[in-house]
Amino acid sequence: MDKLVKLGQDMSLLWTNYKGAYWAGIQNTIILALVATAIGCIIGLVCGILNTIPYSPHDNAVKRFFLRLIRIVVRIYVEVFRGTPMVLQAVFIYYGLPYFTGGQVAFSGNSGIWLASIIVVSINTGAYMAESVRGGIISIDPGQTEGAMAIGMTHVQTMVSVILPQAIRNIIPQIGNNLIINIKDSSVMFIISFTEFFAWHRYIVGVNNMYFPSAAIEMIGYLTMTLIASFILRLVEKLMDGSDSYELVQADQLTMAAGTYSHPDRGTPFDEHSKEYRERTKLSLKNRNGSTRGDR
């Protein structure tokens, strides 16, 4: 118990002395995660759509070649950035580009660090989102695509108006998952001197050597950010689901009765109070009377 009290006192002391630095790190972490997730979703959406463009042996050779080339490029991109750690991707982009271009392409200053961090996290997120989008698209019943094509819709119209609205609803949880991952994984950007939440923790620990109390503040901070993000995303999912209760229509004017259409003002042909029923009855009686007189 005494250790917990001492930990609380140390954390309070650190927060009092360095709360400005902690808040600055939290702000940078949230901005980086939001911007990179948004850009990554756009990259993943484009890659996922390109990766699902259909082609058949009846298409011309040029179209088949380019679609296959696009799928190969997207596959290489996805496998490379899903299969390597983000910290190494940051090193290769931040230090590798100046190395291979002889310094002509370099990230200089604080703006350069921000740009490099956004690029790294965005393309990493895009690689994961590309597979999520592809899975969301192919999860839609193929009959809907066939139906859209049958009424003359192009592939673009089918994708925009029929497939994507349903697929996006299916991949919303994965978007939220990537946002939460980016909030945590942005901590590796300290390797290129990006001053996010974890980077400020390393600086503060270097000044006062209070590693564990500062780490406890970091853990609480990351947990708070991810819990808030989870709550907001759950709320978005609930809003997209719509109402949980539905009222069945009690009176429908377009009701099919005994295989015939029931006009709201006329009733059915079998209704003795309807105009159509009375006219049919009169005509039947007239024909019957006429045939009786003919027999006589």
C-alpha atoms as a PDB file:
ATOM      1  CA  MET A   1       0.000   0.000   0.000  1.00  0.00           C
ATOM      2  CA  ASP A   2       2.838   2.355   0.830  1.00  0.00           C
ATOM      3  CA  LYS A   3       4.336   1.733  -2.611  1.00  0.00           C
ATOM      4  CA  LEU A   4       1.070   2.717  -4.281  1.00  0.00           C
ATOM      5  CA  VAL A   5       0.899   5.899  -2.238  1.00  0.00           C
ATOM      6  CA  LYS A   6       4.511   6.710  -3.137  1.00  0.00           C
ATOM      7  CA  LEU A   7       3.753   6.008  -6.827  1.00  0.00           C
ATOM      8  CA  GLY A   8       0.768   8.330  -6.707  1.00  0.00           C
ATOM      9  CA  GLN A   9       2.856  11.072  -5.135  1.00  0.00           C
ATOM     10  CA  ASP A  10       5.603  10.705  -7.756  1.00  0.00           C
ATOM     11  CA  MET A  11       3.060  10.749 -10.587  1.00  0.00           C
ATOM     12  CA  SER A  12       1.414  13.858  -9.138  1.00  0.00           C
ATOM     13  CA  LEU A  13       4.812  15.555  -8.868  1.00  0.00           C
ATOM     14  CA  LEU A  14       5.706  14.693 -12.466  1.00  0.00           C
ATOM     15  CA  TRP A  15       2.345  15.845 -13.791  1.00  0.00           C
ATOM     16  CA  THR A  16       2.573  19.120 -11.897  1.00  0.00           C
ATOM     17  CA  ASN A  17       6.047  19.879 -13.218  1.00  0.00           C
ATOM     18  CA  TYR A  18       5.688  18.565 -16.784  1.00  0.00           C
ATOM     19  CA  LYS A  19       1.983  18.623 -17.609  1.00  0.00           C
ATOM     20  CA  GLY A  20       2.643  21.069 -20.460  1.00  0.00           C
ATOM     21  CA  ALA A  21       5.036  18.595 -22.075  1.00  0.00           C
ATOM     22  CA  TYR A  22       2.644  15.680 -21.542  1.00  0.00           C
ATOM     23  CA  TRP A  23      -0.247  17.636 -23.061  1.00  0.00           C
ATOM     24  CA  ALA A  24       1.889  18.625 -26.035  1.00  0.00           C
ATOM     25  CA  GLY A  25       2.760  14.962 -26.602  1.00  0.00           C
ATOM     26  CA  ILE A  26      -0.905  13.920 -26.338  1.00  0.00           C
ATOM     27  CA  GLN A  27      -1.909  16.610 -28.832  1.00  0.00           C
ATOM     28  CA  ASN A  28       0.751  15.572 -31.358  1.00  0.00           C
ATOM     29  CA  THR A  29      -0.180  11.914 -30.960  1.00  0.00           C
ATOM     30  CA  ILE A  30      -3.884  12.555 -31.600  1.00  0.00           C
ATOM     31  CA  ILE A  31      -3.239  14.798 -34.618  1.00  0.00           C
ATOM     32  CA  LEU A  32      -0.835  12.311 -36.172  1.00  0.00           C
ATOM     33  CA  ALA A  33      -3.191   9.379 -35.587  1.00  0.00           C
ATOM     34  CA  LEU A  34      -6.252  11.146 -37.011  1.00  0.00           C
ATOM     35  CA  VAL A  35      -4.539  12.596 -40.091  1.00  0.00           C
ATOM     36  CA  ALA A  36      -2.616   9.411 -40.899  1.00  0.00           C
ATOM     37  CA  THR A  37      -5.703   7.215 -40.415  1.00  0.00           C
ATOM     38  CA  ALA A  38      -7.763   9.413 -42.758  1.00  0.00           C
ATOM     39  CA  ILE A  39      -5.064   9.391 -45.448  1.00  0.00           C
ATOM     40  CA  GLY A  40      -4.466   5.671 -44.933  1.00  0.00           C
ATOM     41  CA  CYS A  41      -8.181   4.957 -45.406  1.00  0.00           C
ATOM     42  CA  ILE A  42      -8.130   6.827 -48.725  1.00  0.00           C
ATOM     43  CA  ILE A  43      -5.061   4.865 -49.843  1.00  0.00           C
ATOM     44  CA  GLY A  44      -6.647   1.590 -48.757  1.00  0.00           C
ATOM     45  CA  LEU A  45      -9.932   2.456 -50.476  1.00  0.00           C
ATOM     46  CA  VAL A  46      -8.182   3.173 -53.776  1.00  0.00           C
ATOM     47  CA  CYS A  47      -6.030   0.043 -53.562  1.00  0.00           C
ATOM     48  CA  GLY A  48      -8.977  -2.122 -52.553  1.00  0.00           C
ATOM     49  CA  ILE A  49     -11.111  -0.899 -55.448  1.00  0.00           C
ATOM     50  CA  LEU A  50      -8.286  -1.298 -57.974  1.00  0.00           C
ATOM     51  CA  ASN A  51      -7.617  -4.787 -56.664  1.00  0.00           C
ATOM     52  CA  THR A  52     -11.221  -5.883 -57.272  1.00  0.00           C
ATOM     53  CA  ILE A  53     -11.799  -4.557 -60.806  1.00  0.00           C
ATOM     54  CA  PRO A  54     -13.091  -7.598 -62.708  1.00  0.00           C
ATOM     55  CA  TYR A  55     -11.740  -8.762 -66.033  1.00  0.00           C
ATOM     56  CA  SER A  56     -12.388 -11.812 -68.193  1.00  0.00           C
ATOM     57  CA  PRO A  57     -10.585 -13.681 -70.982  1.00  0.00           C
ATOM     58  CA  HIS A  58     -12.904 -11.895 -73.424  1.00  0.00           C
ATOM     59  CA  ASP A  59     -11.428  -8.478 -72.546  1.00  0.00           C
ATOM     60  CA  ASN A  60      -8.683  -7.043 -74.715  1.00  0.00           C
ATOM     61  CA  ALA A  61      -5.073  -7.900 -73.900  1.00  0.00           C
ATOM     62  CA  VAL A  62      -4.123  -4.352 -72.891  1.00  0.00           C
ATOM     63  CA  LYS A  63      -6.845  -4.157 -70.247  1.00  0.00           C
ATOM     64  CA  ARG A  64      -5.940  -7.568 -68.841  1.00  0.00           C
ATOM     65  CA  PHE A  65      -2.236  -6.636 -68.723  1.00  0.00           C
ATOM     66  CA  PHE A  66      -2.773  -3.374 -66.841  1.00  0.00           C
ATOM     67  CA  LEU A  67      -5.250  -4.880 -64.376  1.00  0.00           C
ATOM     68  CA  ARG A  68      -2.841  -7.717 -63.617  1.00  0.00           C
ATOM     69  CA  LEU A  69       0.017  -5.225 -63.245  1.00  0.00           C
ATOM     70  CA  ILE A  70      -2.062  -3.125 -60.840  1.00  0.00           C
ATOM     71  CA  ARG A  71      -2.868  -6.179 -58.734  1.00  0.00           C
ATOM     72  CA  ILE A  72       0.814  -7.172 -58.594  1.00  0.00           C
ATOM     73  CA  VAL A  73       1.869  -3.668 -57.523  1.00  0.00           C
ATOM     74  CA  VAL A  74      -0.860  -3.484 -54.860  1.00  0.00           C
ATOM     75  CA  ARG A  75       0.067  -6.940 -53.584  1.00  0.00           C
ATOM     76  CA  ILE A  76       3.757  -6.022 -53.280  1.00  0.00           C
ATOM     77  CA  TYR A  77       2.862  -2.782 -51.478  1.00  0.00           C
ATOM     78  CA  VAL A  78       0.553  -4.566 -49.033  1.00  0.00           C
ATOM     79  CA  GLU A  79       2.967  -7.397 -48.261  1.00  0.00           C
ATOM     80  CA  VAL A  80       5.983  -5.112 -47.765  1.00  0.00           C
ATOM     81  CA  PHE A  81       4.307  -2.662 -45.412  1.00  0.00           C
ATOM     82  CA  ARG A  82       2.336  -5.290 -43.505  1.00  0.00           C
ATOM     83  CA  GLY A  83       5.377  -7.520 -43.156  1.00  0.00           C
ATOM     84  CA  THR A  84       7.891  -4.995 -41.797  1.00  0.00           C
ATOM     85  CA  PRO A  85       7.903  -3.048 -38.494  1.00  0.00           C
ATOM     86  CA  MET A  86       6.801   0.565 -38.633  1.00  0.00           C
ATOM     87  CA  VAL A  87       9.961   1.682 -36.852  1.00  0.00           C
ATOM     88  CA  LEU A  88      12.089   0.314 -39.695  1.00  0.00           C
ATOM     89  CA  GLN A  89       9.778   1.884 -42.269  1.00  0.00           C
ATOM     90  CA  ALA A  90      10.328   5.230 -40.536  1.00  0.00           C
ATOM     91  CA  VAL A  91      14.099   4.761 -40.672  1.00  0.00           C
ATOM     92  CA  PHE A  92      14.059   3.786 -44.355  1.00  0.00           C
ATOM     93  CA  ILE A  93      11.840   6.710 -45.378  1.00  0.00           C
ATOM     94  CA  TYR A  94      13.381   9.411 -43.175  1.00  0.00           C
ATOM     95  CA  TYR A  95      17.018   8.414 -43.626  1.00  0.00           C
ATOM     96  CA  GLY A  96      16.811   6.268 -46.767  1.00  0.00           C
ATOM     97  CA  LEU A  97      15.418   8.860 -49.170  1.00  0.00           C
ATOM     98  CA  PRO A  98      18.298  11.325 -48.553  1.00  0.00           C
ATOM     99  CA  TYR A  99      20.744   8.409 -48.790  1.00  0.00           C
ATOM    100  CA  PHE A 100      19.547   7.199 -52.212  1.00  0.00           C
ATOM    101  CA  THR A 101      18.951  10.682 -53.655  1.00  0.00           C
ATOM    102  CA  GLY A 102      22.232  12.185 -52.492  1.00  0.00           C
ATOM    103  CA  GLY A 103      20.444  14.566 -50.148  1.00  0.00           C
ATOM    104  CA  GLN A 104      18.185  16.025 -52.839  1.00  0.00           C
ATOM    105  CA  VAL A 105      15.118  14.600 -51.095  1.00  0.00           C
ATOM    106  CA  ALA A 106      15.377  15.220 -47.378  1.00  0.00           C
ATOM    107  CA  PHE A 107      13.057  15.961 -44.467  1.00  0.00           C
ATOM    108  CA  SER A 108      14.458  19.045 -42.788  1.00  0.00           C
ATOM    109  CA  GLY A 109      13.213  20.875 -39.740  1.00  0.00           C
ATOM    110  CA  ASN A 110      10.133  20.227 -37.653  1.00  0.00           C
ATOM    111  CA  SER A 111       7.850  20.352 -40.699  1.00  0.00           C
ATOM    112  CA  GLY A 112       9.970  17.670 -42.367  1.00  0.00           C
ATOM    113  CA  ILE A 113       9.666  15.438 -39.319  1.00  0.00           C
ATOM    114  CA  TRP A 114       5.896  15.912 -39.320  1.00  0.00           C
ATOM    115  CA  LEU A 115       5.710  15.124 -43.030  1.00  0.00           C
ATOM    116  CA  ALA A 116       7.830  11.990 -42.693  1.00  0.00           C
ATOM    117  CA  SER A 117       5.774  10.767 -39.716  1.00  0.00           C
ATOM    118  CA  ILE A 118       2.481  11.280 -41.551  1.00  0.00           C
ATOM    119  CA  ILE A 119       3.824   9.485 -44.639  1.00  0.00           C
ATOM    120  CA  VAL A 120       5.060   6.501 -42.631  1.00  0.00           C
ATOM    121  CA  VAL A 121       1.893   6.005 -40.576  1.00  0.00           C
ATOM    122  CA  SER A 122      -0.380   6.677 -43.581  1.00  0.00           C
ATOM    123  CA  ILE A 123       1.182   4.163 -45.946  1.00  0.00           C
ATOM    124  CA  ASN A 124       1.336   1.587 -43.161  1.00  0.00           C
ATOM    125  CA  THR A 125      -2.366   2.110 -42.438  1.00  0.00           C
ATOM    126  CA  GLY A 126      -3.168   2.036 -46.150  1.00  0.00           C
ATOM    127  CA  ALA A 127      -1.593  -1.416 -46.492  1.00  0.00           C
ATOM    128  CA  TYR A 128      -3.889  -2.833 -43.812  1.00  0.00           C
ATOM    129  CA  MET A 129      -6.941  -0.952 -45.076  1.00  0.00           C
ATOM    130  CA  ALA A 130      -6.388  -2.211 -48.633  1.00  0.00           C
ATOM    131  CA  GLU A 131      -7.069  -5.765 -47.500  1.00  0.00           C
ATOM    132  CA  SER A 132      -9.996  -4.655 -45.329  1.00  0.00           C
ATOM    133  CA  VAL A 133     -11.602  -2.833 -48.263  1.00  0.00           C
ATOM    134  CA  ARG A 134     -11.008  -5.774 -50.583  1.00  0.00           C
ATOM    135  CA  GLY A 135     -12.613  -8.106 -48.059  1.00  0.00           C
ATOM    136  CA  GLY A 136     -15.547  -5.741 -47.586  1.00  0.00           C
ATOM    137  CA  ILE A 137     -16.158  -5.539 -51.334  1.00  0.00           C
ATOM    138  CA  ILE A 138     -16.014  -9.277 -51.997  1.00  0.00           C
ATOM    139  CA  SER A 139     -18.264  -9.923 -48.989  1.00  0.00           C
ATOM    140  CA  ILE A 140     -21.195  -8.282 -50.810  1.00  0.00           C
ATOM    141  CA  ASP A 141     -23.487 -10.757 -52.559  1.00  0.00           C
ATOM    142  CA  PRO A 142     -22.376 -11.071 -56.225  1.00  0.00           C
ATOM    143  CA  GLY A 143     -26.035 -11.085 -57.191  1.00  0.00           C
ATOM    144  CA  GLN A 144     -26.213  -7.388 -56.422  1.00  0.00           C
ATOM    145  CA  THR A 145     -23.436  -6.662 -58.899  1.00  0.00           C
ATOM    146  CA  GLU A 146     -25.120  -8.857 -61.509  1.00  0.00           C
ATOM    147  CA  GLY A 147     -28.441  -7.101 -60.923  1.00  0.00           C
ATOM    148  CA  ALA A 148     -26.849  -3.676 -61.295  1.00  0.00           C
ATOM    149  CA  MET A 149     -25.149  -4.737 -64.516  1.00  0.00           C
ATOM    150  CA  ALA A 150     -28.446  -6.182 -65.788  1.00  0.00           C
ATOM    151  CA  ILE A 151     -30.146  -2.789 -65.583  1.00  0.00           C
ATOM    152  CA  GLY A 152     -27.315  -1.130 -67.502  1.00  0.00           C
ATOM    153  CA  MET A 153     -25.121   0.275 -64.706  1.00  0.00           C
ATOM    154  CA  THR A 154     -21.402   0.541 -65.394  1.00  0.00           C
ATOM    155  CA  HIS A 155     -18.772  -0.879 -63.061  1.00  0.00           C
ATOM    156  CA  VAL A 156     -18.104   2.575 -61.600  1.00  0.00           C
ATOM    157  CA  GLN A 157     -21.808   3.224 -61.022  1.00  0.00           C
ATOM    158  CA  THR A 158     -22.245  -0.199 -59.459  1.00  0.00           C
ATOM    159  CA  MET A 159     -19.271   0.317 -57.163  1.00  0.00           C
ATOM    160  CA  VAL A 160     -20.284   3.825 -56.053  1.00  0.00           C
ATOM    161  CA  SER A 161     -24.046   3.332 -55.719  1.00  0.00           C
ATOM    162  CA  VAL A 162     -24.426  -0.326 -54.748  1.00  0.00           C
ATOM    163  CA  ILE A 163     -21.279  -1.987 -53.423  1.00  0.00           C
ATOM    164  CA  LEU A 164     -19.316   0.682 -51.535  1.00  0.00           C
ATOM    165  CA  PRO A 165     -22.197   1.921 -49.316  1.00  0.00           C
ATOM    166  CA  GLN A 166     -22.568  -1.615 -47.983  1.00  0.00           C
ATOM    167  CA  ALA A 167     -18.854  -2.420 -47.891  1.00  0.00           C
ATOM    168  CA  ILE A 168     -17.971   0.722 -45.936  1.00  0.00           C
ATOM    169  CA  ARG A 169     -20.455  -0.243 -43.233  1.00  0.00           C
ATOM    170  CA  ASN A 170     -18.694  -3.603 -42.955  1.00  0.00           C
ATOM    171  CA  ILE A 171     -15.207  -2.082 -42.649  1.00  0.00           C
ATOM    172  CA  ILE A 172     -16.061   0.668 -40.139  1.00  0.00           C
ATOM    173  CA  PRO A 173     -14.853  -1.521 -37.218  1.00  0.00           C
ATOM    174  CA  GLN A 174     -11.513  -2.033 -38.985  1.00  0.00           C
ATOM    175  CA  ILE A 175     -11.145   1.719 -39.495  1.00  0.00           C
ATOM    176  CA  GLY A 176     -11.632   2.207 -35.769  1.00  0.00           C
ATOM    177  CA  ASN A 177      -9.190  -0.564 -35.042  1.00  0.00           C
ATOM    178  CA  ASN A 178      -6.541   1.117 -37.198  1.00  0.00           C
ATOM    179  CA  LEU A 179      -7.125   4.450 -35.465  1.00  0.00           C
ATOM    180  CA  ILE A 180      -6.530   2.860 -32.073  1.00  0.00           C
ATOM    181  CA  ILE A 181      -3.424   1.083 -33.370  1.00  0.00           C
ATOM    182  CA  ASN A 182      -2.077   4.366 -34.755  1.00  0.00           C
ATOM    183  CA  ILE A 183      -2.586   6.116 -31.428  1.00  0.00           C
ATOM    184  CA  LYS A 184      -0.334   3.526 -29.815  1.00  0.00           C
ATOM    185  CA  ASP A 185       2.113   2.846 -32.664  1.00  0.00           C
ATOM    186  CA  SER A 186       2.847   6.519 -33.209  1.00  0.00           C
ATOM    187  CA  SER A 187       5.180   6.079 -30.246  1.00  0.00           C
ATOM    188  CA  VAL A 188       7.795   4.555 -32.581  1.00  0.00           C
ATOM    189  CA  MET A 189       8.113   7.881 -34.397  1.00  0.00           C
ATOM    190  CA  PHE A 190      10.508   9.031 -31.681  1.00  0.00           C
ATOM    191  CA  ILE A 191      13.128   7.225 -33.778  1.00  0.00           C
ATOM    192  CA  ILE A 192      12.997  10.156 -36.243  1.00  0.00           C
ATOM    193  CA  SER A 193      12.743  12.773 -33.455  1.00  0.00           C
ATOM    194  CA  PHE A 194       8.966  13.245 -33.652  1.00  0.00           C
ATOM    195  CA  THR A 195       7.926  14.635 -30.252  1.00  0.00           C
ATOM    196  CA  GLU A 196       4.767  12.676 -29.526  1.00  0.00           C
ATOM    197  CA  PHE A 197       3.575  11.404 -26.134  1.00  0.00           C
ATOM    198  CA  PHE A 198       6.213   8.691 -25.721  1.00  0.00           C
ATOM    199  CA  ALA A 199       9.045  10.990 -26.855  1.00  0.00           C
ATOM    200  CA  TRP A 200       8.193  13.450 -24.086  1.00  0.00           C
ATOM    201  CA  HIS A 201       8.209  10.570 -21.626  1.00  0.00           C
ATOM    202  CA  ARG A 202      11.755   9.678 -22.686  1.00  0.00           C
ATOM    203  CA  TYR A 203      12.829  13.298 -22.306  1.00  0.00           C
ATOM    204  CA  ILE A 204      11.270  13.666 -18.850  1.00  0.00           C
ATOM    205  CA  VAL A 205      12.816  10.405 -17.652  1.00  0.00           C
ATOM    206  CA  GLY A 206      16.215  11.575 -18.907  1.00  0.00           C
ATOM    207  CA  VAL A 207      15.899  14.705 -16.754  1.00  0.00           C
ATOM    208  CA  ASN A 208      14.745  13.201 -13.429  1.00  0.00           C
ATOM    209  CA  ASN A 209      15.275   9.407 -13.754  1.00  0.00           C
ATOM    210  CA  MET A 210      11.718   8.729 -12.510  1.00  0.00           C
ATOM    211  CA  TYR A 211      11.068   6.067 -15.145  1.00  0.00           C
ATOM    212  CA  PHE A 212       8.239   4.024 -13.666  1.00  0.00           C
ATOM    213  CA  PRO A 213       6.035   6.923 -12.456  1.00  0.00           C
ATOM    214  CA  SER A 214       6.356   8.556 -15.878  1.00  0.00           C
ATOM    215  CA  ALA A 215       5.588   5.232 -17.565  1.00  0.00           C
ATOM    216  CA  ALA A 216       2.447   4.928 -15.415  1.00  0.00           C
ATOM    217  CA  ILE A 217       1.330   8.367 -16.634  1.00  0.00           C
ATOM    218  CA  GLU A 218       2.003   7.248 -20.202  1.00  0.00           C
ATOM    219  CA  MET A 219      -0.056   4.092 -19.768  1.00  0.00           C
ATOM    220  CA  ILE A 220      -3.005   5.977 -18.325  1.00  0.00           C
ATOM    221  CA  GLY A 221      -2.770   8.558 -21.092  1.00  0.00           C
ATOM    222  CA  TYR A 222      -2.711   6.005 -23.926  1.00  0.00           C
ATOM    223  CA  LEU A 223      -5.522   4.000 -22.323  1.00  0.00           C
ATOM    224  CA  THR A 224      -7.661   7.123 -21.973  1.00  0.00           C
ATOM    225  CA  MET A 225      -7.124   8.107 -25.611  1.00  0.00           C
ATOM    226  CA  THR A 226      -7.960   4.629 -26.926  1.00  0.00           C
ATOM    227  CA  LEU A 227     -11.043   4.300 -24.716  1.00  0.00           C
ATOM    228  CA  ILE A 228     -12.394   7.640 -25.932  1.00  0.00           C
ATOM    229  CA  ALA A 229     -11.707   6.625 -29.543  1.00  0.00           C
ATOM    230  CA  SER A 230     -13.481   3.288 -28.975  1.00  0.00           C
ATOM    231  CA  PHE A 231     -16.514   5.029 -27.459  1.00  0.00           C
ATOM    232  CA  ILE A 232     -16.802   7.464 -30.375  1.00  0.00           C
ATOM    233  CA  LEU A 233     -16.454   4.676 -32.937  1.00  0.00           C
ATOM    234  CA  ARG A 234     -19.080   2.550 -31.201  1.00  0.00           C
ATOM    235  CA  LEU A 235     -21.398   5.535 -31.300  1.00  0.00           C
ATOM    236  CA  VAL A 236     -20.765   5.975 -35.036  1.00  0.00           C
ATOM    237  CA  GLU A 237     -21.514   2.289 -35.653  1.00  0.00           C
ATOM    238  CA  LYS A 238     -24.737   2.548 -33.673  1.00  0.00           C
ATOM    239  CA  LEU A 239     -25.839   5.604 -35.648  1.00  0.00           C
ATOM    240  CA  MET A 240     -25.137   3.794 -38.918  1.00  0.00           C
ATOM    241  CA  ASP A 241     -27.165   0.783 -37.750  1.00  0.00           C
ATOM    242  CA  GLY A 242     -30.278   2.926 -37.365  1.00  0.00           C
ATOM    243  CA  SER A 243     -33.165   2.273 -35.013  1.00  0.00           C
ATOM    244  CA  ASP A 244     -33.375  -0.989 -33.076  1.00  0.00           C
ATOM    245  CA  SER A 245     -37.204  -1.063 -33.186  1.00  0.00           C
ATOM    246  CA  TYR A 246     -39.391  -1.022 -36.246  1.00  0.00           C
ATOM    247  CA  GLU A 247     -43.164  -0.654 -36.678  1.00  0.00           C
ATOM    248  CA  LEU A 248     -44.871  -2.879 -39.177  1.00  0.00           C
ATOM    249  CA  VAL A 249     -47.260  -1.154 -41.546  1.00  0.00           C
ATOM    250  CA  GLN A 250     -50.775  -1.858 -40.357  1.00  0.00           C
ATOM    251  CA  ALA A 251     -52.634  -0.605 -43.455  1.00  0.00           C
ATOM    252  CA  ASP A 252     -51.049  -0.795 -46.894  1.00  0.00           C
ATOM    253  CA  GLN A 253     -52.991   0.535 -49.838  1.00  0.00           C
ATOM    254  CA  LEU A 254     -51.062  -1.720 -52.192  1.00  0.00           C
ATOM    255  CA  THR A 255     -52.145  -5.010 -50.665  1.00  0.00           C
ATOM    256  CA  MET A 256     -52.490  -8.093 -52.826  1.00  0.00           C
ATOM    257  CA  ALA A 257     -55.772  -9.853 -52.059  1.00  0.00           C
ATOM    258  CA  ALA A 258     -56.396 -13.312 -53.531  1.00  0.00           C
ATOM    259  CA  GLY A 259     -53.981 -12.583 -56.352  1.00  0.00           C
ATOM    260  CA  THR A 260     -55.750  -9.374 -57.431  1.00  0.00           C
ATOM    261  CA  TYR A 261     -55.001  -5.724 -56.830  1.00  0.00           C
ATOM    262  CA  SER A 262     -57.160  -3.999 -54.226  1.00  0.00           C
ATOM    263  CA  HIS A 263     -57.854  -0.380 -55.052  1.00  0.00           C
ATOM    264  CA  PRO A 264     -58.333   1.647 -51.848  1.00  0.00           C
ATOM    265  CA  ASP A 265     -61.581   3.192 -53.102  1.00  0.00           C
ATOM    266  CA  ARG A 266     -63.014   0.174 -54.896  1.00  0.00           C
ATOM    267  CA  GLY A 267     -62.121  -2.800 -52.748  1.00  0.00           C
ATOM    268  CA  THR A 268     -61.573  -6.174 -54.398  1.00  0.00           C
ATOM    269  CA  PRO A 269     -63.606  -7.725 -57.222  1.00  0.00           C
ATOM    270  CA  PHE A 270     -64.938 -10.207 -54.652  1.00  0.00           C
ATOM    271  CA  ASP A 271     -66.141  -7.573 -52.228  1.00  0.00           C
ATOM    272  CA  GLU A 272     -69.939  -7.295 -52.406  1.00  0.00           C
ATOM    273  CA  HIS A 273     -69.741  -3.626 -51.421  1.00  0.00           C
ATOM    274  CA  SER A 274     -67.426  -2.680 -54.262  1.00  0.00           C
ATOM    275  CA  LYS A 275     -68.538  -1.039 -57.478  1.00  0.00           C
ATOM    276  CA  GLU A 276     -66.807  -3.650 -59.601  1.00  0.00           C
ATOM    277  CA  TYR A 277     -68.632  -6.458 -57.810  1.00  0.00           C
ATOM    278  CA  ARG A 278     -72.027  -4.840 -58.348  1.00  0.00           C
ATOM    279  CA  GLU A 279     -71.373  -4.223 -62.053  1.00  0.00           C
ATOM    280  CA  ARG A 280     -70.229  -7.803 -62.595  1.00  0.00           C
ATOM    281  CA  THR A 281     -73.322  -9.092 -60.786  1.00  0.00           C
ATOM    282  CA  LYS A 282     -75.667  -6.978 -62.951  1.00  0.00           C
ATOM    283  CA  LEU A 283     -73.943  -8.115 -66.143  1.00  0.00           C
ATOM    284  CA  SER A 284     -74.158 -11.726 -65.065  1.00  0.00           C
ATOM    285  CA  LEU A 285     -77.882 -11.423 -64.295  1.00  0.00           C
ATOM    286  CA  LYS A 286     -78.516  -9.690 -67.641  1.00  0.00           C
ATOM    287  CA  ASN A 287     -76.726 -12.406 -69.571  1.00  0.00           C
ATOM    288  CA  ARG A 288     -78.593 -15.070 -67.665  1.00  0.00           C
ATOM    289  CA  ASN A 289     -82.001 -13.461 -68.362  1.00  0.00           C
ATOM    290  CA  GLY A 290     -81.138 -13.039 -72.049  1.00  0.00           C
ATOM    291  CA  SER A 291     -80.152 -16.667 -72.446  1.00  0.00           C
ATOM    292  CA  THR A 292     -83.374 -17.746 -70.664  1.00  0.00           C
ATOM    293  CA  ARG A 293     -85.599 -15.808 -73.080  1.00  0.00           C
ATOM    294  CA  GLY A 294     -83.667 -17.238 -76.009  1.00  0.00           C
ATOM    295  CA  ASP A 295     -84.376 -20.757 -74.844  1.00  0.00           C
ATOM    296  CA  ARG A 296     -88.057 -20.022 -74.758  1.00  0.00           C
END
